[in-house]
Amino acid sequence: MVVSRGRSRSPGSRKMSAANATFLTECSFGIAHDRLVQVITDIQPFEPHWEDLVCVDLSGQKLESVARLKEFLPKLDELNL
Protein backbone atom coordinates (compact mmCIF):
# COMPACT_ATOMS: atom_id res chain seq x y z
CA MET A 1 0.00 0.00 0.00
CA VAL A 2 1.30 3.46 -0.91
CA VAL A 3 0.37 6.44 1.22
CA SER A 4 0.99 9.93 -0.02
CA ARG A 5 1.04 12.69 2.56
CA GLY A 6 2.09 15.42 0.17
CA ARG A 7 -1.29 15.81 -1.50
CA SER A 8 -4.41 17.07 0.13
CA ARG A 9 -7.86 16.03 -0.90
CA SER A 10 -9.97 18.38 -2.90
CA PRO A 11 -13.05 19.87 -1.21
CA GLY A 12 -15.22 17.82 -3.56
CA SER A 13 -13.67 14.53 -2.47
CA ARG A 14 -14.14 15.47 1.21
CA LYS A 15 -17.81 16.12 0.56
CA MET A 16 -18.08 12.77 -1.22
CA SER A 17 -16.43 11.00 1.73
CA ALA A 18 -18.81 12.70 4.17
CA ALA A 19 -21.78 11.76 2.01
CA ASN A 20 -20.60 8.14 1.84
CA ALA A 21 -20.10 8.03 5.60
CA THR A 22 -23.59 9.45 6.16
CA PHE A 23 -25.09 6.92 3.77
CA LEU A 24 -23.26 4.02 5.43
CA THR A 25 -24.32 5.21 8.89
CA GLU A 26 -27.95 5.42 7.79
CA CYS A 27 -27.73 1.93 6.29
CA SER A 28 -26.21 0.57 9.49
CA PHE A 29 -28.98 2.10 11.61
CA GLY A 30 -31.56 0.76 9.18
CA ILE A 31 -30.20 -2.77 9.47
CA ALA A 32 -30.03 -2.53 13.27
CA HIS A 33 -33.61 -1.18 13.32
CA ASP A 34 -34.88 -4.04 11.14
CA ARG A 35 -33.14 -6.58 13.37
CA LEU A 36 -34.65 -5.02 16.49
CA VAL A 37 -38.14 -5.21 14.98
CA GLN A 38 -37.52 -8.84 14.03
CA VAL A 39 -36.47 -9.74 17.59
CA ILE A 40 -39.44 -7.93 19.16
CA THR A 41 -41.74 -9.72 16.71
CA ASP A 42 -40.25 -13.05 17.78
CA ILE A 43 -40.97 -12.19 21.41
CA GLN A 44 -44.45 -10.75 20.83
CA PRO A 45 -45.79 -11.46 17.32
CA PHE A 46 -48.93 -9.36 17.73
CA GLU A 47 -47.74 -5.75 17.33
CA PRO A 48 -50.61 -4.00 19.21
CA HIS A 49 -49.41 -5.79 22.37
CA TRP A 50 -45.96 -4.22 22.07
CA GLU A 51 -47.10 -1.05 23.78
CA ASP A 52 -48.14 -3.08 26.84
CA LEU A 53 -44.84 -4.88 27.35
CA VAL A 54 -43.07 -3.75 30.51
CA CYS A 55 -40.25 -6.31 30.53
CA VAL A 56 -38.33 -8.00 27.72
CA ASP A 57 -35.37 -10.33 27.62
CA LEU A 58 -33.17 -9.59 24.61
CA SER A 59 -30.16 -11.47 25.91
CA GLY A 60 -28.57 -13.75 23.37
CA GLN A 61 -30.26 -11.95 20.47
CA LYS A 62 -27.01 -10.49 19.09
CA LEU A 63 -28.42 -7.00 18.68
CA GLU A 64 -26.03 -4.25 17.63
CA SER A 65 -28.28 -1.50 18.92
CA VAL A 66 -31.42 -0.95 20.93
CA ALA A 67 -31.79 2.63 19.76
CA ARG A 68 -35.44 3.62 19.44
CA LEU A 69 -36.55 0.63 21.52
CA LYS A 70 -38.65 2.93 23.70
CA GLU A 71 -40.59 4.02 20.60
CA PHE A 72 -41.72 0.43 20.04
CA LEU A 73 -42.16 -0.45 23.71
CA PRO A 74 -43.26 2.77 25.44
CA LYS A 75 -44.11 1.09 28.78
CA LEU A 76 -40.82 -0.80 28.96
CA ASP A 77 -39.47 -0.70 32.48
CA GLU A 78 -37.06 -3.65 32.57
CA LEU A 79 -34.68 -4.81 29.86
CA ASN A 80 -32.31 -7.75 29.91
CA LEU A 81 -29.47 -7.59 27.40
PDB file of N, CA and C in Angstrom:
ATOM      1  N   MET A   1       0.838  -1.156   0.000  1.00  0.00           N
ATOM      2  CA  MET A   1       0.000   0.000   0.000  1.00  0.00           C
ATOM      3  C   MET A   1       0.893   1.232   0.000  1.00  0.00           C
ATOM      4  N   VAL A   2       0.547   2.219  -0.812  1.00  0.00           N
ATOM      5  CA  VAL A   2       1.302   3.455  -0.908  1.00  0.00           C
ATOM      6  C   VAL A   2       0.464   4.573  -0.309  1.00  0.00           C
ATOM      7  N   VAL A   3       1.062   5.325   0.592  1.00  0.00           N
ATOM      8  CA  VAL A   3       0.369   6.440   1.221  1.00  0.00           C
ATOM      9  C   VAL A   3       1.111   7.711   0.869  1.00  0.00           C
ATOM     10  N   SER A   4       0.390   8.658   0.332  1.00  0.00           N
ATOM     11  CA  SER A   4       0.994   9.930  -0.020  1.00  0.00           C
ATOM     12  C   SER A   4       0.501  10.989   0.944  1.00  0.00           C
ATOM     13  N   ARG A   5       1.421  11.642   1.619  1.00  0.00           N
ATOM     14  CA  ARG A   5       1.043  12.692   2.563  1.00  0.00           C
ATOM     15  C   ARG A   5       1.232  14.076   1.957  1.00  0.00           C
ATOM     16  N   GLY A   6       1.810  14.130   0.792  1.00  0.00           N
ATOM     17  CA  GLY A   6       2.090  15.416   0.171  1.00  0.00           C
ATOM     18  C   GLY A   6       0.865  16.059  -0.459  1.00  0.00           C
ATOM     19  N   ARG A   7      -0.099  15.272  -0.852  1.00  0.00           N
ATOM     20  CA  ARG A   7      -1.295  15.814  -1.500  1.00  0.00           C
ATOM     21  C   ARG A   7      -2.440  15.921  -0.520  1.00  0.00           C
ATOM     22  N   SER A   8      -3.201  16.968  -0.670  1.00  0.00           N
ATOM     23  CA  SER A   8      -4.408  17.073   0.134  1.00  0.00           C
ATOM     24  C   SER A   8      -5.605  16.782  -0.763  1.00  0.00           C
ATOM     25  N   ARG A   9      -6.649  16.323  -0.141  1.00  0.00           N
ATOM     26  CA  ARG A   9      -7.859  16.031  -0.905  1.00  0.00           C
ATOM     27  C   ARG A   9      -8.536  17.311  -1.337  1.00  0.00           C
ATOM     28  N   SER A  10      -9.218  17.222  -2.449  1.00  0.00           N
ATOM     29  CA  SER A  10      -9.973  18.378  -2.904  1.00  0.00           C
ATOM     30  C   SER A  10     -11.237  18.502  -2.068  1.00  0.00           C
ATOM     31  N   PRO A  11     -11.807  19.700  -1.983  1.00  0.00           N
ATOM     32  CA  PRO A  11     -13.048  19.872  -1.213  1.00  0.00           C
ATOM     33  C   PRO A  11     -14.168  18.960  -1.709  1.00  0.00           C
ATOM     34  N   GLY A  12     -14.199  18.692  -3.008  1.00  0.00           N
ATOM     35  CA  GLY A  12     -15.224  17.816  -3.562  1.00  0.00           C
ATOM     36  C   GLY A  12     -15.094  16.392  -3.068  1.00  0.00           C
ATOM     37  N   SER A  13     -13.855  15.903  -2.936  1.00  0.00           N
ATOM     38  CA  SER A  13     -13.671  14.531  -2.468  1.00  0.00           C
ATOM     39  C   SER A  13     -13.999  14.413  -0.983  1.00  0.00           C
ATOM     40  N   ARG A  14     -13.761  15.482  -0.210  1.00  0.00           N
ATOM     41  CA  ARG A  14     -14.138  15.473   1.207  1.00  0.00           C
ATOM     42  C   ARG A  14     -15.647  15.409   1.359  1.00  0.00           C
ATOM     43  N   LYS A  15     -16.345  16.147   0.517  1.00  0.00           N
ATOM     44  CA  LYS A  15     -17.811  16.115   0.561  1.00  0.00           C
ATOM     45  C   LYS A  15     -18.322  14.737   0.183  1.00  0.00           C
ATOM     46  N   MET A  16     -17.682  14.115  -0.794  1.00  0.00           N
ATOM     47  CA  MET A  16     -18.080  12.772  -1.225  1.00  0.00           C
ATOM     48  C   MET A  16     -17.852  11.782  -0.094  1.00  0.00           C
ATOM     49  N   SER A  17     -16.722  11.900   0.608  1.00  0.00           N
ATOM     50  CA  SER A  17     -16.428  11.003   1.726  1.00  0.00           C
ATOM     51  C   SER A  17     -17.452  11.183   2.841  1.00  0.00           C
ATOM     52  N   ALA A  18     -17.805  12.416   3.138  1.00  0.00           N
ATOM     53  CA  ALA A  18     -18.806  12.696   4.172  1.00  0.00           C
ATOM     54  C   ALA A  18     -20.164  12.143   3.758  1.00  0.00           C
ATOM     55  N   ALA A  19     -20.509  12.282   2.497  1.00  0.00           N
ATOM     56  CA  ALA A  19     -21.785  11.758   2.009  1.00  0.00           C
ATOM     57  C   ALA A  19     -21.800  10.243   2.098  1.00  0.00           C
ATOM     58  N   ASN A  20     -20.686   9.599   1.737  1.00  0.00           N
ATOM     59  CA  ASN A  20     -20.602   8.142   1.837  1.00  0.00           C
ATOM     60  C   ASN A  20     -20.706   7.678   3.285  1.00  0.00           C
ATOM     61  N   ALA A  21     -20.047   8.381   4.181  1.00  0.00           N
ATOM     62  CA  ALA A  21     -20.099   8.028   5.595  1.00  0.00           C
ATOM     63  C   ALA A  21     -21.519   8.174   6.130  1.00  0.00           C
ATOM     64  N   THR A  22     -22.200   9.236   5.744  1.00  0.00           N
ATOM     65  CA  THR A  22     -23.593   9.449   6.162  1.00  0.00           C
ATOM     66  C   THR A  22     -24.480   8.330   5.635  1.00  0.00           C
ATOM     67  N   PHE A  23     -24.306   7.985   4.376  1.00  0.00           N
ATOM     68  CA  PHE A  23     -25.089   6.915   3.768  1.00  0.00           C
ATOM     69  C   PHE A  23     -24.851   5.592   4.485  1.00  0.00           C
ATOM     70  N   LEU A  24     -23.584   5.272   4.756  1.00  0.00           N
ATOM     71  CA  LEU A  24     -23.264   4.021   5.431  1.00  0.00           C
ATOM     72  C   LEU A  24     -23.807   3.991   6.852  1.00  0.00           C
ATOM     73  N   THR A  25     -23.764   5.122   7.532  1.00  0.00           N
ATOM     74  CA  THR A  25     -24.318   5.208   8.887  1.00  0.00           C
ATOM     75  C   THR A  25     -25.820   4.974   8.861  1.00  0.00           C
ATOM     76  N   GLU A  26     -26.500   5.602   7.912  1.00  0.00           N
ATOM     77  CA  GLU A  26     -27.945   5.419   7.794  1.00  0.00           C
ATOM     78  C   GLU A  26     -28.287   3.972   7.466  1.00  0.00           C
ATOM     79  N   CYS A  27     -27.505   3.341   6.619  1.00  0.00           N
ATOM     80  CA  CYS A  27     -27.726   1.926   6.289  1.00  0.00           C
ATOM     81  C   CYS A  27     -27.537   1.053   7.519  1.00  0.00           C
ATOM     82  N   SER A  28     -26.493   1.343   8.288  1.00  0.00           N
ATOM     83  CA  SER A  28     -26.212   0.572   9.491  1.00  0.00           C
ATOM     84  C   SER A  28     -27.355   0.688  10.495  1.00  0.00           C
ATOM     85  N   PHE A  29     -27.850   1.915  10.701  1.00  0.00           N
ATOM     86  CA  PHE A  29     -28.978   2.103  11.612  1.00  0.00           C
ATOM     87  C   PHE A  29     -30.226   1.410  11.086  1.00  0.00           C
ATOM     88  N   GLY A  30     -30.414   1.424   9.781  1.00  0.00           N
ATOM     89  CA  GLY A  30     -31.565   0.758   9.178  1.00  0.00           C
ATOM     90  C   GLY A  30     -31.529  -0.741   9.403  1.00  0.00           C
ATOM     91  N   ILE A  31     -30.358  -1.329   9.257  1.00  0.00           N
ATOM     92  CA  ILE A  31     -30.196  -2.773   9.473  1.00  0.00           C
ATOM     93  C   ILE A  31     -30.418  -3.108  10.943  1.00  0.00           C
ATOM     94  N   ALA A  32     -29.854  -2.311  11.835  1.00  0.00           N
ATOM     95  CA  ALA A  32     -30.027  -2.531  13.269  1.00  0.00           C
ATOM     96  C   ALA A  32     -31.500  -2.385  13.656  1.00  0.00           C
ATOM     97  N   HIS A  33     -32.180  -1.408  13.068  1.00  0.00           N
ATOM     98  CA  HIS A  33     -33.606  -1.176  13.323  1.00  0.00           C
ATOM     99  C   HIS A  33     -34.421  -2.385  12.875  1.00  0.00           C
ATOM    100  N   ASP A  34     -34.153  -2.879  11.669  1.00  0.00           N
ATOM    101  CA  ASP A  34     -34.882  -4.036  11.142  1.00  0.00           C
ATOM    102  C   ASP A  34     -34.661  -5.268  12.024  1.00  0.00           C
ATOM    103  N   ARG A  35     -33.444  -5.448  12.501  1.00  0.00           N
ATOM    104  CA  ARG A  35     -33.135  -6.584  13.374  1.00  0.00           C
ATOM    105  C   ARG A  35     -33.870  -6.458  14.701  1.00  0.00           C
ATOM    106  N   LEU A  36     -33.939  -5.255  15.243  1.00  0.00           N
ATOM    107  CA  LEU A  36     -34.650  -5.019  16.494  1.00  0.00           C
ATOM    108  C   LEU A  36     -36.131  -5.350  16.333  1.00  0.00           C
ATOM    109  N   VAL A  37     -36.728  -4.906  15.247  1.00  0.00           N
ATOM    110  CA  VAL A  37     -38.140  -5.206  14.979  1.00  0.00           C
ATOM    111  C   VAL A  37     -38.342  -6.717  14.851  1.00  0.00           C
ATOM    112  N   GLN A  38     -37.432  -7.389  14.195  1.00  0.00           N
ATOM    113  CA  GLN A  38     -37.523  -8.843  14.032  1.00  0.00           C
ATOM    114  C   GLN A  38     -37.498  -9.546  15.395  1.00  0.00           C
ATOM    115  N   VAL A  39     -36.593  -9.120  16.269  1.00  0.00           N
ATOM    116  CA  VAL A  39     -36.469  -9.741  17.592  1.00  0.00           C
ATOM    117  C   VAL A  39     -37.721  -9.472  18.429  1.00  0.00           C
ATOM    118  N   ILE A  40     -38.225  -8.247  18.402  1.00  0.00           N
ATOM    119  CA  ILE A  40     -39.443  -7.932  19.158  1.00  0.00           C
ATOM    120  C   ILE A  40     -40.606  -8.767  18.629  1.00  0.00           C
ATOM    121  N   THR A  41     -40.678  -8.922  17.320  1.00  0.00           N
ATOM    122  CA  THR A  41     -41.742  -9.719  16.714  1.00  0.00           C
ATOM    123  C   THR A  41     -41.641 -11.182  17.152  1.00  0.00           C
ATOM    124  N   ASP A  42     -40.429 -11.689  17.292  1.00  0.00           N
ATOM    125  CA  ASP A  42     -40.250 -13.055  17.776  1.00  0.00           C
ATOM    126  C   ASP A  42     -40.762 -13.206  19.210  1.00  0.00           C
ATOM    127  N   ILE A  43     -40.547 -12.159  20.016  1.00  0.00           N
ATOM    128  CA  ILE A  43     -40.971 -12.188  21.412  1.00  0.00           C
ATOM    129  C   ILE A  43     -42.482 -12.011  21.528  1.00  0.00           C
ATOM    130  N   GLN A  44     -43.019 -11.055  20.790  1.00  0.00           N
ATOM    131  CA  GLN A  44     -44.445 -10.746  20.828  1.00  0.00           C
ATOM    132  C   GLN A  44     -44.923 -10.519  19.399  1.00  0.00           C
ATOM    133  N   PRO A  45     -45.416 -11.564  18.732  1.00  0.00           N
ATOM    134  CA  PRO A  45     -45.787 -11.456  17.317  1.00  0.00           C
ATOM    135  C   PRO A  45     -46.917 -10.468  17.019  1.00  0.00           C
ATOM    136  N   PHE A  46     -47.785 -10.225  17.978  1.00  0.00           N
ATOM    137  CA  PHE A  46     -48.928  -9.355  17.730  1.00  0.00           C
ATOM    138  C   PHE A  46     -48.564  -7.919  18.108  1.00  0.00           C
ATOM    139  N   GLU A  47     -48.283  -7.092  17.116  1.00  0.00           N
ATOM    140  CA  GLU A  47     -47.743  -5.745  17.333  1.00  0.00           C
ATOM    141  C   GLU A  47     -48.547  -4.865  18.284  1.00  0.00           C
ATOM    142  N   PRO A  48     -49.897  -4.870  18.262  1.00  0.00           N
ATOM    143  CA  PRO A  48     -50.614  -4.001  19.212  1.00  0.00           C
ATOM    144  C   PRO A  48     -50.287  -4.278  20.672  1.00  0.00           C
ATOM    145  N   HIS A  49     -49.787  -5.472  20.984  1.00  0.00           N
ATOM    146  CA  HIS A  49     -49.414  -5.785  22.367  1.00  0.00           C
ATOM    147  C   HIS A  49     -48.046  -5.243  22.748  1.00  0.00           C
ATOM    148  N   TRP A  50     -47.291  -4.754  21.775  1.00  0.00           N
ATOM    149  CA  TRP A  50     -45.960  -4.220  22.070  1.00  0.00           C
ATOM    150  C   TRP A  50     -46.039  -3.076  23.064  1.00  0.00           C
ATOM    151  N   GLU A  51     -47.032  -2.238  22.913  1.00  0.00           N
ATOM    152  CA  GLU A  51     -47.098  -1.053  23.781  1.00  0.00           C
ATOM    153  C   GLU A  51     -47.410  -1.417  25.224  1.00  0.00           C
ATOM    154  N   ASP A  52     -47.847  -2.646  25.479  1.00  0.00           N
ATOM    155  CA  ASP A  52     -48.144  -3.079  26.845  1.00  0.00           C
ATOM    156  C   ASP A  52     -46.991  -3.814  27.516  1.00  0.00           C
ATOM    157  N   LEU A  53     -45.959  -4.152  26.765  1.00  0.00           N
ATOM    158  CA  LEU A  53     -44.836  -4.885  27.353  1.00  0.00           C
ATOM    159  C   LEU A  53     -44.057  -3.995  28.322  1.00  0.00           C
ATOM    160  N   VAL A  54     -43.839  -4.508  29.516  1.00  0.00           N
ATOM    161  CA  VAL A  54     -43.072  -3.748  30.514  1.00  0.00           C
ATOM    162  C   VAL A  54     -41.696  -4.360  30.758  1.00  0.00           C
ATOM    163  N   CYS A  55     -41.510  -5.616  30.326  1.00  0.00           N
ATOM    164  CA  CYS A  55     -40.247  -6.312  30.534  1.00  0.00           C
ATOM    165  C   CYS A  55     -39.960  -7.189  29.322  1.00  0.00           C
ATOM    166  N   VAL A  56     -38.744  -7.120  28.814  1.00  0.00           N
ATOM    167  CA  VAL A  56     -38.326  -8.002  27.721  1.00  0.00           C
ATOM    168  C   VAL A  56     -36.918  -8.513  27.985  1.00  0.00           C
ATOM    169  N   ASP A  57     -36.696  -9.712  27.505  1.00  0.00           N
ATOM    170  CA  ASP A  57     -35.370 -10.327  27.619  1.00  0.00           C
ATOM    171  C   ASP A  57     -34.788 -10.429  26.215  1.00  0.00           C
ATOM    172  N   LEU A  58     -33.819  -9.597  25.913  1.00  0.00           N
ATOM    173  CA  LEU A  58     -33.174  -9.591  24.606  1.00  0.00           C
ATOM    174  C   LEU A  58     -31.774 -10.206  24.667  1.00  0.00           C
ATOM    175  N   SER A  59     -31.469 -10.854  25.784  1.00  0.00           N
ATOM    176  CA  SER A  59     -30.158 -11.466  25.913  1.00  0.00           C
ATOM    177  C   SER A  59     -30.020 -12.592  24.895  1.00  0.00           C
ATOM    178  N   GLY A  60     -28.848 -12.707  24.355  1.00  0.00           N
ATOM    179  CA  GLY A  60     -28.571 -13.747  23.373  1.00  0.00           C
ATOM    180  C   GLY A  60     -29.126 -13.470  21.990  1.00  0.00           C
ATOM    181  N   GLN A  61     -29.654 -12.284  21.758  1.00  0.00           N
ATOM    182  CA  GLN A  61     -30.257 -11.954  20.469  1.00  0.00           C
ATOM    183  C   GLN A  61     -29.265 -11.331  19.486  1.00  0.00           C
ATOM    184  N   LYS A  62     -28.060 -11.052  19.934  1.00  0.00           N
ATOM    185  CA  LYS A  62     -27.006 -10.488  19.086  1.00  0.00           C
ATOM    186  C   LYS A  62     -27.427  -9.186  18.408  1.00  0.00           C
ATOM    187  N   LEU A  63     -28.022  -8.303  19.196  1.00  0.00           N
ATOM    188  CA  LEU A  63     -28.418  -6.996  18.679  1.00  0.00           C
ATOM    189  C   LEU A  63     -27.233  -6.046  18.712  1.00  0.00           C
ATOM    190  N   GLU A  64     -27.095  -5.253  17.670  1.00  0.00           N
ATOM    191  CA  GLU A  64     -26.028  -4.253  17.629  1.00  0.00           C
ATOM    192  C   GLU A  64     -26.462  -2.954  18.285  1.00  0.00           C
ATOM    193  N   SER A  65     -27.776  -2.734  18.353  1.00  0.00           N
ATOM    194  CA  SER A  65     -28.280  -1.496  18.918  1.00  0.00           C
ATOM    195  C   SER A  65     -29.707  -1.696  19.412  1.00  0.00           C
ATOM    196  N   VAL A  66     -30.040  -0.981  20.473  1.00  0.00           N
ATOM    197  CA  VAL A  66     -31.424  -0.950  20.935  1.00  0.00           C
ATOM    198  C   VAL A  66     -31.961   0.480  20.839  1.00  0.00           C
ATOM    199  N   ALA A  67     -31.329   1.266  19.988  1.00  0.00           N
ATOM    200  CA  ALA A  67     -31.791   2.634  19.756  1.00  0.00           C
ATOM    201  C   ALA A  67     -33.237   2.592  19.279  1.00  0.00           C
ATOM    202  N   ARG A  68     -34.020   3.490  19.777  1.00  0.00           N
ATOM    203  CA  ARG A  68     -35.444   3.624  19.436  1.00  0.00           C
ATOM    204  C   ARG A  68     -36.316   2.514  20.019  1.00  0.00           C
ATOM    205  N   LEU A  69     -35.772   1.695  20.911  1.00  0.00           N
ATOM    206  CA  LEU A  69     -36.555   0.627  21.518  1.00  0.00           C
ATOM    207  C   LEU A  69     -37.766   1.195  22.252  1.00  0.00           C
ATOM    208  N   LYS A  70     -37.578   2.307  22.926  1.00  0.00           N
ATOM    209  CA  LYS A  70     -38.655   2.925  23.702  1.00  0.00           C
ATOM    210  C   LYS A  70     -39.805   3.391  22.803  1.00  0.00           C
ATOM    211  N   GLU A  71     -39.527   3.654  21.539  1.00  0.00           N
ATOM    212  CA  GLU A  71     -40.594   4.018  20.600  1.00  0.00           C
ATOM    213  C   GLU A  71     -41.507   2.824  20.343  1.00  0.00           C
ATOM    214  N   PHE A  72     -40.935   1.642  20.287  1.00  0.00           N
ATOM    215  CA  PHE A  72     -41.720   0.432  20.041  1.00  0.00           C
ATOM    216  C   PHE A  72     -42.383  -0.085  21.306  1.00  0.00           C
ATOM    217  N   LEU A  73     -41.682   0.072  22.430  1.00  0.00           N
ATOM    218  CA  LEU A  73     -42.160  -0.451  23.709  1.00  0.00           C
ATOM    219  C   LEU A  73     -42.227   0.686  24.728  1.00  0.00           C
ATOM    220  N   PRO A  74     -43.222   1.562  24.611  1.00  0.00           N
ATOM    221  CA  PRO A  74     -43.259   2.774  25.439  1.00  0.00           C
ATOM    222  C   PRO A  74     -43.388   2.522  26.945  1.00  0.00           C
ATOM    223  N   LYS A  75     -43.939   1.382  27.342  1.00  0.00           N
ATOM    224  CA  LYS A  75     -44.111   1.093  28.776  1.00  0.00           C
ATOM    225  C   LYS A  75     -42.966   0.249  29.335  1.00  0.00           C
ATOM    226  N   LEU A  76     -41.935   0.035  28.531  1.00  0.00           N
ATOM    227  CA  LEU A  76     -40.819  -0.803  28.957  1.00  0.00           C
ATOM    228  C   LEU A  76     -40.162  -0.247  30.215  1.00  0.00           C
ATOM    229  N   ASP A  77     -40.050  -1.102  31.212  1.00  0.00           N
ATOM    230  CA  ASP A  77     -39.468  -0.704  32.482  1.00  0.00           C
ATOM    231  C   ASP A  77     -38.236  -1.541  32.816  1.00  0.00           C
ATOM    232  N   GLU A  78     -38.178  -2.752  32.277  1.00  0.00           N
ATOM    233  CA  GLU A  78     -37.059  -3.654  32.568  1.00  0.00           C
ATOM    234  C   GLU A  78     -36.592  -4.304  31.271  1.00  0.00           C
ATOM    235  N   LEU A  79     -35.277  -4.282  31.086  1.00  0.00           N
ATOM    236  CA  LEU A  79     -34.675  -4.814  29.856  1.00  0.00           C
ATOM    237  C   LEU A  79     -33.473  -5.660  30.214  1.00  0.00           C
ATOM    238  N   ASN A  80     -33.454  -6.870  29.712  1.00  0.00           N
ATOM    239  CA  ASN A  80     -32.306  -7.754  29.910  1.00  0.00           C
ATOM    240  C   ASN A  80     -31.562  -7.854  28.569  1.00  0.00           C
ATOM    241  N   LEU A  81     -30.309  -7.484  28.593  1.00  0.00           N
ATOM    242  CA  LEU A  81     -29.468  -7.588  27.405  1.00  0.00           C
ATOM    243  C   LEU A  81     -28.470  -8.665  27.661  1.00  0.00           C
TER     244      LEU A  81
END
